[in-house]
Amino acid sequence: MFPDQVFYEAAALDYELGKQLKQKFSDLPWTEIISHNNIPVLRENPNSAFPKMKRHLIIGVRKTHKYVPNHKVSDFLVPYTSSGCSAMCLYCYLVCNYNKCAYLRLFVNREQMLGKIVRTAKAAQDDLTFEIGSNSDLVLENTVTNNLPWTIEGFGSQPKGFLTFPTKFDMVAPILPLDHGGRTIVRMSVNPEFVIKKTEFGTSPLENRVRAINDLCEAGYKTGLLIAPVVLTDSWQVHYAGLIDTLADTLSAKAKKTMFIEIIFMTYSFVHRAINNEAFPNATELYDKALMTGRGRGKYCYRDPVRAQGEQFLRSQIAAKLGNMPILYVV
């Protein structure tokens, strides 16, 4: 069951969204905390408790609002209404410090956050794009908060700027009928079904994701495909060729004509291995010494020749089967 209990900052109940969540989950245990960023009773848990902690909901007030420049599909990475997720992807970069980032944290001061985006967009000379989903999956979060319709319609009426976010989930029905003004870009993360089943626990199947992106295209949203992370498991060429085949067969004509692609190869870490080995002892081992090398403190990435082979393979498959769909970048 999600959520199974709630940890909350007292100040969160001073906000309208905090009050709504208190009423919505009034039948659950509520535990007051000093800070959403440091909950000792959870930090002291063993790694094996990771899946259980994923069922907890944390509610607080976001205090950090610093924008980070970005040069991929947005101008800025923007702290927004949530951090973390209830899904359990084995490679998730948000799992950065053992038990600190495991759970879904909701921030109720949404007016403050959207207000800053609007002011920044209006003050800019050119249209800026704001990445609001780099710390969480907003489609999943929306099932708890209903923040996405509030955000998309609120920003859709603005004269300048764009919002963008990625997702691994298909629950997009609430945003399809919205008056988005063409100012929201949704990027659907895709992977071979084999990778989804083995590494992206609790996310939507590939078939559902493709159906959702077709629906978003039909509703007039700007859309993209995020092939990420590319996981070079056994027989990866077979699996990723199959993924491109599936996309070619099931994406709508409108989607193929209007979408773009991003490609991101997996990075992994000592922290991931430590948690996954205890929390998911029977799961796929993502670290491969023959294919990976160290990058920074405690991190691993694919060796340059391996990554280059993967990139060349994906580019050739996409060119052959998806035609002129542009690849914005590969990292």
C-alpha atoms as a PDB file:
ATOM      1  CA  MET A   1       0.000   0.000   0.000  1.00  0.00           C
ATOM      2  CA  PHE A   2       1.247   3.482  -0.827  1.00  0.00           C
ATOM      3  CA  PRO A   3       1.481   5.453   1.268  1.00  0.00           C
ATOM      4  CA  ASP A   4       1.535   3.382   4.431  1.00  0.00           C
ATOM      5  CA  GLN A   5       2.397   6.300   6.745  1.00  0.00           C
ATOM      6  CA  VAL A   6       3.206   9.994   6.618  1.00  0.00           C
ATOM      7  CA  PHE A   7       6.104  11.987   8.071  1.00  0.00           C
ATOM      8  CA  TYR A   8       5.489  15.737   8.053  1.00  0.00           C
ATOM      9  CA  GLU A   9       6.928  19.096   9.007  1.00  0.00           C
ATOM     10  CA  ALA A  10       4.474  21.053  11.150  1.00  0.00           C
ATOM     11  CA  ALA A  11       4.824  24.114   8.896  1.00  0.00           C
ATOM     12  CA  ALA A  12       3.504  22.101   5.941  1.00  0.00           C
ATOM     13  CA  LEU A  13       0.023  22.163   7.442  1.00  0.00           C
ATOM     14  CA  ASP A  14      -0.038  25.960   7.105  1.00  0.00           C
ATOM     15  CA  TYR A  15      -0.319  25.573   3.321  1.00  0.00           C
ATOM     16  CA  GLU A  16      -3.467  24.729   1.388  1.00  0.00           C
ATOM     17  CA  LEU A  17      -1.920  21.635  -0.198  1.00  0.00           C
ATOM     18  CA  GLY A  18      -0.694  20.453   3.196  1.00  0.00           C
ATOM     19  CA  LYS A  19      -4.204  20.733   4.577  1.00  0.00           C
ATOM     20  CA  GLN A  20      -5.598  18.810   1.592  1.00  0.00           C
ATOM     21  CA  LEU A  21      -3.085  16.000   2.084  1.00  0.00           C
ATOM     22  CA  LYS A  22      -3.821  15.861   5.811  1.00  0.00           C
ATOM     23  CA  GLN A  23      -7.482  15.313   5.021  1.00  0.00           C
ATOM     24  CA  LYS A  24      -6.807  12.886   2.157  1.00  0.00           C
ATOM     25  CA  PHE A  25      -4.621  10.621   4.293  1.00  0.00           C
ATOM     26  CA  SER A  26      -6.309  11.169   7.650  1.00  0.00           C
ATOM     27  CA  ASP A  27      -6.628   7.416   8.196  1.00  0.00           C
ATOM     28  CA  LEU A  28      -2.831   6.891   8.148  1.00  0.00           C
ATOM     29  CA  PRO A  29      -0.314   7.337  10.971  1.00  0.00           C
ATOM     30  CA  TRP A  30       1.217  10.851  10.905  1.00  0.00           C
ATOM     31  CA  THR A  31       4.595  11.481  12.547  1.00  0.00           C
ATOM     32  CA  GLU A  32       5.906  15.019  13.010  1.00  0.00           C
ATOM     33  CA  ILE A  33       9.524  15.612  11.979  1.00  0.00           C
ATOM     34  CA  ILE A  34      11.886  18.558  12.256  1.00  0.00           C
ATOM     35  CA  SER A  35      13.192  18.389   8.683  1.00  0.00           C
ATOM     36  CA  HIS A  36      12.165  16.468   5.568  1.00  0.00           C
ATOM     37  CA  ASN A  37      15.857  16.318   4.677  1.00  0.00           C
ATOM     38  CA  ASN A  38      17.002  14.429   7.761  1.00  0.00           C
ATOM     39  CA  ILE A  39      14.728  11.903   9.422  1.00  0.00           C
ATOM     40  CA  PRO A  40      16.892   9.983  11.932  1.00  0.00           C
ATOM     41  CA  VAL A  41      14.475   7.091  12.407  1.00  0.00           C
ATOM     42  CA  LEU A  42      14.701   6.393   8.667  1.00  0.00           C
ATOM     43  CA  ARG A  43      18.395   7.165   8.229  1.00  0.00           C
ATOM     44  CA  GLU A  44      19.178   4.539  10.851  1.00  0.00           C
ATOM     45  CA  ASN A  45      17.411   1.785   8.889  1.00  0.00           C
ATOM     46  CA  PRO A  46      19.449  -0.995   7.276  1.00  0.00           C
ATOM     47  CA  ASN A  47      19.696  -1.159   3.494  1.00  0.00           C
ATOM     48  CA  SER A  48      17.325  -4.117   3.502  1.00  0.00           C
ATOM     49  CA  ALA A  49      14.552  -1.736   4.604  1.00  0.00           C
ATOM     50  CA  PHE A  50      14.797   0.217   1.331  1.00  0.00           C
ATOM     51  CA  PRO A  51      11.622  -1.245  -0.293  1.00  0.00           C
ATOM     52  CA  LYS A  52       9.623  -0.668   2.896  1.00  0.00           C
ATOM     53  CA  MET A  53      10.740   2.958   3.088  1.00  0.00           C
ATOM     54  CA  LYS A  54       9.542   3.451  -0.473  1.00  0.00           C
ATOM     55  CA  ARG A  55       6.006   3.151   0.890  1.00  0.00           C
ATOM     56  CA  HIS A  56       6.433   6.179   3.166  1.00  0.00           C
ATOM     57  CA  LEU A  57       5.294   9.689   2.244  1.00  0.00           C
ATOM     58  CA  ILE A  58       7.215  12.744   3.461  1.00  0.00           C
ATOM     59  CA  ILE A  59       5.564  16.175   3.453  1.00  0.00           C
ATOM     60  CA  GLY A  60       7.511  19.365   3.951  1.00  0.00           C
ATOM     61  CA  VAL A  61       8.279  22.890   2.774  1.00  0.00           C
ATOM     62  CA  ARG A  62      10.956  23.338   0.106  1.00  0.00           C
ATOM     63  CA  LYS A  63      13.538  25.823   1.270  1.00  0.00           C
ATOM     64  CA  THR A  64      16.055  25.569  -1.582  1.00  0.00           C
ATOM     65  CA  HIS A  65      15.015  27.343  -4.774  1.00  0.00           C
ATOM     66  CA  LYS A  66      18.333  27.674  -6.633  1.00  0.00           C
ATOM     67  CA  TYR A  67      18.152  27.184 -10.390  1.00  0.00           C
ATOM     68  CA  VAL A  68      20.970  25.189 -12.008  1.00  0.00           C
ATOM     69  CA  PRO A  69      21.888  26.068 -15.625  1.00  0.00           C
ATOM     70  CA  ASN A  70      21.363  23.206 -18.052  1.00  0.00           C
ATOM     71  CA  HIS A  71      22.197  22.825 -21.710  1.00  0.00           C
ATOM     72  CA  LYS A  72      20.329  19.753 -22.889  1.00  0.00           C
ATOM     73  CA  VAL A  73      16.568  20.193 -23.287  1.00  0.00           C
ATOM     74  CA  SER A  74      16.183  23.063 -20.798  1.00  0.00           C
ATOM     75  CA  ASP A  75      17.857  26.257 -19.693  1.00  0.00           C
ATOM     76  CA  PHE A  76      17.499  25.542 -15.979  1.00  0.00           C
ATOM     77  CA  LEU A  77      16.969  22.597 -13.635  1.00  0.00           C
ATOM     78  CA  VAL A  78      14.346  23.866 -11.208  1.00  0.00           C
ATOM     79  CA  PRO A  79      13.600  22.523  -7.709  1.00  0.00           C
ATOM     80  CA  TYR A  80       9.885  21.825  -7.775  1.00  0.00           C
ATOM     81  CA  THR A  81       7.084  20.086  -5.909  1.00  0.00           C
ATOM     82  CA  SER A  82       8.662  16.725  -5.104  1.00  0.00           C
ATOM     83  CA  SER A  83      11.860  14.777  -4.729  1.00  0.00           C
ATOM     84  CA  GLY A  84      12.318  11.039  -4.796  1.00  0.00           C
ATOM     85  CA  CYS A  85       9.774   8.501  -5.948  1.00  0.00           C
ATOM     86  CA  SER A  86       7.848   5.434  -4.860  1.00  0.00           C
ATOM     87  CA  ALA A  87       9.229   3.365  -7.751  1.00  0.00           C
ATOM     88  CA  MET A  88      12.407   1.337  -7.205  1.00  0.00           C
ATOM     89  CA  CYS A  89      14.677   1.660 -10.241  1.00  0.00           C
ATOM     90  CA  LEU A  90      17.934  -0.078  -9.387  1.00  0.00           C
ATOM     91  CA  TYR A  91      20.101   2.649 -10.943  1.00  0.00           C
ATOM     92  CA  CYS A  92      18.218   5.751  -9.698  1.00  0.00           C
ATOM     93  CA  TYR A  93      20.577   8.705  -9.267  1.00  0.00           C
ATOM     94  CA  LEU A  94      18.350  10.140  -6.539  1.00  0.00           C
ATOM     95  CA  VAL A  95      19.447   7.295  -4.272  1.00  0.00           C
ATOM     96  CA  CYS A  96      22.546   9.291  -3.501  1.00  0.00           C
ATOM     97  CA  ASN A  97      23.165   8.867   0.204  1.00  0.00           C
ATOM     98  CA  TYR A  98      21.883   5.526   1.452  1.00  0.00           C
ATOM     99  CA  ASN A  99      18.553   6.108   3.187  1.00  0.00           C
ATOM    100  CA  LYS A 100      18.258   9.848   2.645  1.00  0.00           C
ATOM    101  CA  CYS A 101      16.640   9.884  -0.789  1.00  0.00           C
ATOM    102  CA  ALA A 102      14.657   6.654  -0.880  1.00  0.00           C
ATOM    103  CA  TYR A 103      11.148   7.964  -0.397  1.00  0.00           C
ATOM    104  CA  LEU A 104       8.778  10.418  -2.043  1.00  0.00           C
ATOM    105  CA  ARG A 105       9.032  13.875  -0.519  1.00  0.00           C
ATOM    106  CA  LEU A 106       6.276  16.376  -1.328  1.00  0.00           C
ATOM    107  CA  PHE A 107       6.718  20.144  -0.958  1.00  0.00           C
ATOM    108  CA  VAL A 108       3.545  22.063  -0.328  1.00  0.00           C
ATOM    109  CA  ASN A 109       4.716  25.626  -1.101  1.00  0.00           C
ATOM    110  CA  ARG A 110       3.912  25.204  -4.782  1.00  0.00           C
ATOM    111  CA  GLU A 111       2.699  28.784  -5.231  1.00  0.00           C
ATOM    112  CA  GLN A 112       6.132  30.061  -4.276  1.00  0.00           C
ATOM    113  CA  MET A 113       7.893  27.727  -6.708  1.00  0.00           C
ATOM    114  CA  LEU A 114       5.644  28.316  -9.716  1.00  0.00           C
ATOM    115  CA  GLY A 115       5.624  32.028  -8.974  1.00  0.00           C
ATOM    116  CA  LYS A 116       9.408  32.205  -9.292  1.00  0.00           C
ATOM    117  CA  ILE A 117       9.302  30.328 -12.611  1.00  0.00           C
ATOM    118  CA  VAL A 118       6.698  32.736 -13.988  1.00  0.00           C
ATOM    119  CA  ARG A 119       8.660  35.809 -12.881  1.00  0.00           C
ATOM    120  CA  THR A 120      11.899  34.438 -14.336  1.00  0.00           C
ATOM    121  CA  ALA A 121      10.204  33.606 -17.648  1.00  0.00           C
ATOM    122  CA  LYS A 122       8.637  37.049 -17.939  1.00  0.00           C
ATOM    123  CA  ALA A 123      11.893  38.848 -17.168  1.00  0.00           C
ATOM    124  CA  ALA A 124      13.904  36.944 -19.790  1.00  0.00           C
ATOM    125  CA  GLN A 125      14.530  38.348 -23.231  1.00  0.00           C
ATOM    126  CA  ASP A 126      13.951  34.977 -24.912  1.00  0.00           C
ATOM    127  CA  ASP A 127      11.755  31.974 -24.158  1.00  0.00           C
ATOM    128  CA  LEU A 128      13.359  29.902 -21.409  1.00  0.00           C
ATOM    129  CA  THR A 129      12.687  26.226 -20.737  1.00  0.00           C
ATOM    130  CA  PHE A 130      12.466  25.054 -17.126  1.00  0.00           C
ATOM    131  CA  GLU A 131      13.082  21.393 -16.198  1.00  0.00           C
ATOM    132  CA  ILE A 132      10.716  20.781 -13.273  1.00  0.00           C
ATOM    133  CA  GLY A 133      11.044  16.981 -13.104  1.00  0.00           C
ATOM    134  CA  SER A 134      14.736  16.319 -12.525  1.00  0.00           C
ATOM    135  CA  ASN A 135      14.210  15.345  -8.865  1.00  0.00           C
ATOM    136  CA  SER A 136      11.074  13.235  -9.149  1.00  0.00           C
ATOM    137  CA  ASP A 137       8.486  11.783 -11.523  1.00  0.00           C
ATOM    138  CA  LEU A 138       5.698  14.353 -11.678  1.00  0.00           C
ATOM    139  CA  VAL A 139       3.184  12.016 -13.337  1.00  0.00           C
ATOM    140  CA  LEU A 140       3.538   9.649 -10.396  1.00  0.00           C
ATOM    141  CA  GLU A 141       3.500  12.522  -7.913  1.00  0.00           C
ATOM    142  CA  ASN A 142       0.295  13.780  -9.530  1.00  0.00           C
ATOM    143  CA  THR A 143      -1.581  10.673  -8.375  1.00  0.00           C
ATOM    144  CA  VAL A 144      -1.052  11.979  -4.836  1.00  0.00           C
ATOM    145  CA  THR A 145      -1.207  15.766  -5.205  1.00  0.00           C
ATOM    146  CA  ASN A 146      -2.993  16.659  -8.464  1.00  0.00           C
ATOM    147  CA  ASN A 147      -0.218  19.222  -8.920  1.00  0.00           C
ATOM    148  CA  LEU A 148       0.270  18.709 -12.662  1.00  0.00           C
ATOM    149  CA  PRO A 149      -3.063  20.158 -13.861  1.00  0.00           C
ATOM    150  CA  TRP A 150      -2.558  23.065 -11.447  1.00  0.00           C
ATOM    151  CA  THR A 151       0.955  23.644 -12.812  1.00  0.00           C
ATOM    152  CA  ILE A 152       0.277  23.108 -16.518  1.00  0.00           C
ATOM    153  CA  GLU A 153      -2.810  25.301 -16.676  1.00  0.00           C
ATOM    154  CA  GLY A 154      -1.207  27.930 -14.475  1.00  0.00           C
ATOM    155  CA  PHE A 155       1.809  28.203 -16.748  1.00  0.00           C
ATOM    156  CA  GLY A 156      -0.099  27.650 -19.993  1.00  0.00           C
ATOM    157  CA  SER A 157      -1.704  31.070 -19.660  1.00  0.00           C
ATOM    158  CA  GLN A 158       1.706  32.782 -19.486  1.00  0.00           C
ATOM    159  CA  PRO A 159       3.082  34.654 -22.504  1.00  0.00           C
ATOM    160  CA  LYS A 160       6.621  33.255 -22.347  1.00  0.00           C
ATOM    161  CA  GLY A 161       8.604  30.167 -21.474  1.00  0.00           C
ATOM    162  CA  PHE A 162       8.219  26.386 -21.399  1.00  0.00           C
ATOM    163  CA  LEU A 163       8.041  23.691 -18.731  1.00  0.00           C
ATOM    164  CA  THR A 164       9.417  20.202 -19.280  1.00  0.00           C
ATOM    165  CA  PHE A 165       9.585  16.952 -17.334  1.00  0.00           C
ATOM    166  CA  PRO A 166      10.326  13.252 -17.977  1.00  0.00           C
ATOM    167  CA  THR A 167       8.242  10.313 -16.804  1.00  0.00           C
ATOM    168  CA  LYS A 168       8.216   6.514 -16.700  1.00  0.00           C
ATOM    169  CA  PHE A 169       4.479   6.362 -16.042  1.00  0.00           C
ATOM    170  CA  ASP A 170       1.359   6.183 -18.173  1.00  0.00           C
ATOM    171  CA  MET A 171      -1.158   7.929 -15.877  1.00  0.00           C
ATOM    172  CA  VAL A 172      -1.495  10.981 -18.131  1.00  0.00           C
ATOM    173  CA  ALA A 173      -5.299  11.045 -18.483  1.00  0.00           C
ATOM    174  CA  PRO A 174      -5.701  13.983 -16.010  1.00  0.00           C
ATOM    175  CA  ILE A 175      -3.556  16.267 -18.174  1.00  0.00           C
ATOM    176  CA  LEU A 176      -4.870  15.366 -21.632  1.00  0.00           C
ATOM    177  CA  PRO A 177      -7.853  17.781 -21.684  1.00  0.00           C
ATOM    178  CA  LEU A 178      -5.952  20.736 -20.196  1.00  0.00           C
ATOM    179  CA  ASP A 179      -5.455  24.111 -21.835  1.00  0.00           C
ATOM    180  CA  HIS A 180      -1.673  23.822 -21.811  1.00  0.00           C
ATOM    181  CA  GLY A 181      -1.035  26.586 -24.325  1.00  0.00           C
ATOM    182  CA  GLY A 182       1.741  24.555 -25.957  1.00  0.00           C
ATOM    183  CA  ARG A 183       4.028  25.493 -23.089  1.00  0.00           C
ATOM    184  CA  THR A 184       4.594  22.029 -21.576  1.00  0.00           C
ATOM    185  CA  ILE A 185       7.009  19.473 -23.025  1.00  0.00           C
ATOM    186  CA  VAL A 186       6.580  15.872 -21.828  1.00  0.00           C
ATOM    187  CA  ARG A 187       9.419  13.388 -22.366  1.00  0.00           C
ATOM    188  CA  MET A 188       8.635   9.710 -21.995  1.00  0.00           C
ATOM    189  CA  SER A 189      11.470   7.521 -20.723  1.00  0.00           C
ATOM    190  CA  VAL A 190      11.601   4.202 -22.567  1.00  0.00           C
ATOM    191  CA  ASN A 191      13.647   1.029 -22.299  1.00  0.00           C
ATOM    192  CA  PRO A 192      13.294  -2.533 -23.572  1.00  0.00           C
ATOM    193  CA  GLU A 193      10.620  -4.399 -21.634  1.00  0.00           C
ATOM    194  CA  PHE A 194      13.369  -6.749 -20.423  1.00  0.00           C
ATOM    195  CA  VAL A 195      15.182  -3.811 -18.784  1.00  0.00           C
ATOM    196  CA  ILE A 196      11.962  -2.381 -17.350  1.00  0.00           C
ATOM    197  CA  LYS A 197      11.047  -5.685 -15.705  1.00  0.00           C
ATOM    198  CA  LYS A 198      14.551  -6.337 -14.379  1.00  0.00           C
ATOM    199  CA  THR A 199      15.570  -2.854 -13.209  1.00  0.00           C
ATOM    200  CA  GLU A 200      12.631  -0.395 -13.143  1.00  0.00           C
ATOM    201  CA  PHE A 201      10.454  -1.901 -10.425  1.00  0.00           C
ATOM    202  CA  GLY A 202       7.072  -0.242  -9.962  1.00  0.00           C
ATOM    203  CA  THR A 203       6.999   1.673 -13.258  1.00  0.00           C
ATOM    204  CA  SER A 204       4.658   1.375 -16.241  1.00  0.00           C
ATOM    205  CA  PRO A 205       5.194  -1.267 -18.963  1.00  0.00           C
ATOM    206  CA  LEU A 206       6.639  -0.108 -22.287  1.00  0.00           C
ATOM    207  CA  GLU A 207       3.356  -0.690 -24.127  1.00  0.00           C
ATOM    208  CA  ASN A 208       1.538   1.641 -21.731  1.00  0.00           C
ATOM    209  CA  ARG A 209       4.225   4.308 -21.975  1.00  0.00           C
ATOM    210  CA  VAL A 210       4.002   4.359 -25.776  1.00  0.00           C
ATOM    211  CA  ARG A 211       0.222   4.583 -25.629  1.00  0.00           C
ATOM    212  CA  ALA A 212       0.528   7.514 -23.211  1.00  0.00           C
ATOM    213  CA  ILE A 213       2.960   9.413 -25.419  1.00  0.00           C
ATOM    214  CA  ASN A 214       0.679   8.927 -28.435  1.00  0.00           C
ATOM    215  CA  ASP A 215      -2.200  10.357 -26.392  1.00  0.00           C
ATOM    216  CA  LEU A 216      -0.078  13.336 -25.327  1.00  0.00           C
ATOM    217  CA  CYS A 217       0.898  14.038 -28.938  1.00  0.00           C
ATOM    218  CA  GLU A 218      -2.749  13.892 -29.947  1.00  0.00           C
ATOM    219  CA  ALA A 219      -3.573  16.362 -27.143  1.00  0.00           C
ATOM    220  CA  GLY A 220      -1.111  18.838 -28.637  1.00  0.00           C
ATOM    221  CA  TYR A 221       1.747  18.510 -26.178  1.00  0.00           C
ATOM    222  CA  LYS A 222       5.312  18.887 -27.331  1.00  0.00           C
ATOM    223  CA  THR A 223       6.802  15.448 -26.683  1.00  0.00           C
ATOM    224  CA  GLY A 224      10.090  13.576 -26.664  1.00  0.00           C
ATOM    225  CA  LEU A 225      11.539  10.118 -26.098  1.00  0.00           C
ATOM    226  CA  LEU A 226      14.193   9.618 -23.462  1.00  0.00           C
ATOM    227  CA  ILE A 227      16.049   6.357 -24.073  1.00  0.00           C
ATOM    228  CA  ALA A 228      17.491   6.207 -20.607  1.00  0.00           C
ATOM    229  CA  PRO A 229      19.346   4.835 -19.027  1.00  0.00           C
ATOM    230  CA  VAL A 230      20.843   2.567 -21.650  1.00  0.00           C
ATOM    231  CA  VAL A 231      21.726  -0.594 -19.709  1.00  0.00           C
ATOM    232  CA  LEU A 232      24.240  -2.840 -21.442  1.00  0.00           C
ATOM    233  CA  THR A 233      23.125  -6.179 -20.061  1.00  0.00           C
ATOM    234  CA  ASP A 234      23.601  -9.556 -21.764  1.00  0.00           C
ATOM    235  CA  SER A 235      22.258  -9.516 -25.333  1.00  0.00           C
ATOM    236  CA  TRP A 236      21.738  -5.761 -25.150  1.00  0.00           C
ATOM    237  CA  GLN A 237      21.832  -5.404 -28.944  1.00  0.00           C
ATOM    238  CA  VAL A 238      18.862  -7.751 -29.265  1.00  0.00           C
ATOM    239  CA  HIS A 239      16.875  -5.935 -26.582  1.00  0.00           C
ATOM    240  CA  TYR A 240      17.526  -2.406 -27.879  1.00  0.00           C
ATOM    241  CA  ALA A 241      16.897  -3.405 -31.490  1.00  0.00           C
ATOM    242  CA  GLY A 242      13.587  -4.766 -30.235  1.00  0.00           C
ATOM    243  CA  LEU A 243      12.864  -1.497 -28.457  1.00  0.00           C
ATOM    244  CA  ILE A 244      13.379   0.537 -31.632  1.00  0.00           C
ATOM    245  CA  ASP A 245      11.229  -1.983 -33.546  1.00  0.00           C
ATOM    246  CA  THR A 246       8.449  -1.544 -30.999  1.00  0.00           C
ATOM    247  CA  LEU A 247       8.650   2.239 -31.215  1.00  0.00           C
ATOM    248  CA  ALA A 248       8.583   2.114 -35.011  1.00  0.00           C
ATOM    249  CA  ASP A 249       5.540  -0.173 -34.960  1.00  0.00           C
ATOM    250  CA  THR A 250       3.477   1.517 -32.241  1.00  0.00           C
ATOM    251  CA  LEU A 251       4.232   5.244 -32.206  1.00  0.00           C
ATOM    252  CA  SER A 252       1.575   7.226 -34.047  1.00  0.00           C
ATOM    253  CA  ALA A 253       2.365   8.991 -37.306  1.00  0.00           C
ATOM    254  CA  LYS A 254       2.051  12.330 -35.514  1.00  0.00           C
ATOM    255  CA  ALA A 255       4.465  11.229 -32.804  1.00  0.00           C
ATOM    256  CA  LYS A 256       7.060  10.088 -35.336  1.00  0.00           C
ATOM    257  CA  LYS A 257       6.787  13.388 -37.166  1.00  0.00           C
ATOM    258  CA  THR A 258       7.072  15.698 -34.159  1.00  0.00           C
ATOM    259  CA  MET A 259       9.128  13.966 -31.436  1.00  0.00           C
ATOM    260  CA  PHE A 260      12.805  14.201 -30.535  1.00  0.00           C
ATOM    261  CA  ILE A 261      15.126  11.727 -28.786  1.00  0.00           C
ATOM    262  CA  GLU A 262      17.580  11.970 -25.887  1.00  0.00           C
ATOM    263  CA  ILE A 263      19.965   9.098 -25.092  1.00  0.00           C
ATOM    264  CA  ILE A 264      21.622   8.661 -21.691  1.00  0.00           C
ATOM    265  CA  PHE A 265      23.883   5.741 -20.798  1.00  0.00           C
ATOM    266  CA  MET A 266      23.655   4.339 -17.279  1.00  0.00           C
ATOM    267  CA  THR A 267      25.966   5.423 -14.497  1.00  0.00           C
ATOM    268  CA  TYR A 268      26.084   3.352 -11.326  1.00  0.00           C
ATOM    269  CA  SER A 269      27.742   3.617  -7.930  1.00  0.00           C
ATOM    270  CA  PHE A 270      29.013   1.895  -4.816  1.00  0.00           C
ATOM    271  CA  VAL A 271      25.935   3.180  -2.960  1.00  0.00           C
ATOM    272  CA  HIS A 272      23.583   1.551  -5.483  1.00  0.00           C
ATOM    273  CA  ARG A 273      25.391  -1.768  -5.192  1.00  0.00           C
ATOM    274  CA  ALA A 274      25.359  -1.682  -1.395  1.00  0.00           C
ATOM    275  CA  ILE A 275      21.620  -0.990  -1.233  1.00  0.00           C
ATOM    276  CA  ASN A 276      20.563  -3.281  -4.071  1.00  0.00           C
ATOM    277  CA  ASN A 277      22.548  -6.277  -2.828  1.00  0.00           C
ATOM    278  CA  GLU A 278      20.687  -6.148   0.494  1.00  0.00           C
ATOM    279  CA  ALA A 279      17.304  -4.752  -0.564  1.00  0.00           C
ATOM    280  CA  PHE A 280      16.952  -6.814  -3.762  1.00  0.00           C
ATOM    281  CA  PRO A 281      19.268  -9.818  -3.316  1.00  0.00           C
ATOM    282  CA  ASN A 282      17.780 -11.652  -6.305  1.00  0.00           C
ATOM    283  CA  ALA A 283      17.835  -8.693  -8.683  1.00  0.00           C
ATOM    284  CA  THR A 284      20.021  -8.259 -11.750  1.00  0.00           C
ATOM    285  CA  GLU A 285      23.603  -7.217 -10.995  1.00  0.00           C
ATOM    286  CA  LEU A 286      24.126  -4.008 -12.958  1.00  0.00           C
ATOM    287  CA  TYR A 287      27.816  -3.612 -12.213  1.00  0.00           C
ATOM    288  CA  ASP A 288      29.987  -5.313 -14.801  1.00  0.00           C
ATOM    289  CA  LYS A 289      33.723  -4.994 -14.223  1.00  0.00           C
ATOM    290  CA  ALA A 290      34.491  -5.927 -17.816  1.00  0.00           C
ATOM    291  CA  LEU A 291      32.321  -3.132 -19.224  1.00  0.00           C
ATOM    292  CA  MET A 292      32.587  -0.409 -16.578  1.00  0.00           C
ATOM    293  CA  THR A 293      35.248   1.831 -15.108  1.00  0.00           C
ATOM    294  CA  GLY A 294      35.428   4.258 -12.207  1.00  0.00           C
ATOM    295  CA  ARG A 295      34.260   7.833 -12.644  1.00  0.00           C
ATOM    296  CA  GLY A 296      34.602  10.106  -9.664  1.00  0.00           C
ATOM    297  CA  ARG A 297      34.302   8.961  -6.094  1.00  0.00           C
ATOM    298  CA  GLY A 298      32.455   5.649  -5.889  1.00  0.00           C
ATOM    299  CA  LYS A 299      30.836   5.924  -9.318  1.00  0.00           C
ATOM    300  CA  TYR A 300      30.986   3.691 -12.377  1.00  0.00           C
ATOM    301  CA  CYS A 301      30.294   4.297 -16.050  1.00  0.00           C
ATOM    302  CA  TYR A 302      30.741   2.298 -19.232  1.00  0.00           C
ATOM    303  CA  ARG A 303      34.227   2.267 -20.717  1.00  0.00           C
ATOM    304  CA  ASP A 304      34.635   4.596 -23.685  1.00  0.00           C
ATOM    305  CA  PRO A 305      34.878   1.869 -26.387  1.00  0.00           C
ATOM    306  CA  VAL A 306      31.828   0.083 -24.969  1.00  0.00           C
ATOM    307  CA  ARG A 307      29.803   3.272 -24.803  1.00  0.00           C
ATOM    308  CA  ALA A 308      30.885   4.254 -28.337  1.00  0.00           C
ATOM    309  CA  GLN A 309      29.721   0.881 -29.628  1.00  0.00           C
ATOM    310  CA  GLY A 310      26.376   1.352 -27.884  1.00  0.00           C
ATOM    311  CA  GLU A 311      25.932   4.841 -29.312  1.00  0.00           C
ATOM    312  CA  GLN A 312      26.773   3.749 -32.859  1.00  0.00           C
ATOM    313  CA  PHE A 313      24.327   0.845 -32.596  1.00  0.00           C
ATOM    314  CA  LEU A 314      21.466   3.020 -31.327  1.00  0.00           C
ATOM    315  CA  ARG A 315      22.079   5.737 -33.911  1.00  0.00           C
ATOM    316  CA  SER A 316      22.013   3.209 -36.748  1.00  0.00           C
ATOM    317  CA  GLN A 317      18.853   1.524 -35.441  1.00  0.00           C
ATOM    318  CA  ILE A 318      17.059   4.842 -35.013  1.00  0.00           C
ATOM    319  CA  ALA A 319      18.104   6.102 -38.445  1.00  0.00           C
ATOM    320  CA  ALA A 320      16.929   2.886 -40.102  1.00  0.00           C
ATOM    321  CA  LYS A 321      13.620   2.539 -38.273  1.00  0.00           C
ATOM    322  CA  LEU A 322      12.551   5.993 -37.044  1.00  0.00           C
ATOM    323  CA  GLY A 323      13.770   8.006 -39.995  1.00  0.00           C
ATOM    324  CA  ASN A 324      14.220  11.699 -39.385  1.00  0.00           C
ATOM    325  CA  MET A 325      13.435  11.749 -35.653  1.00  0.00           C
ATOM    326  CA  PRO A 326      16.248  13.980 -34.313  1.00  0.00           C
ATOM    327  CA  ILE A 327      18.640  12.870 -31.580  1.00  0.00           C
ATOM    328  CA  LEU A 328      19.334  15.961 -29.468  1.00  0.00           C
ATOM    329  CA  TYR A 329      22.268  14.512 -27.540  1.00  0.00           C
ATOM    330  CA  VAL A 330      23.932  11.340 -26.292  1.00  0.00           C
ATOM    331  CA  VAL A 331      25.664  11.249 -22.900  1.00  0.00           C
END
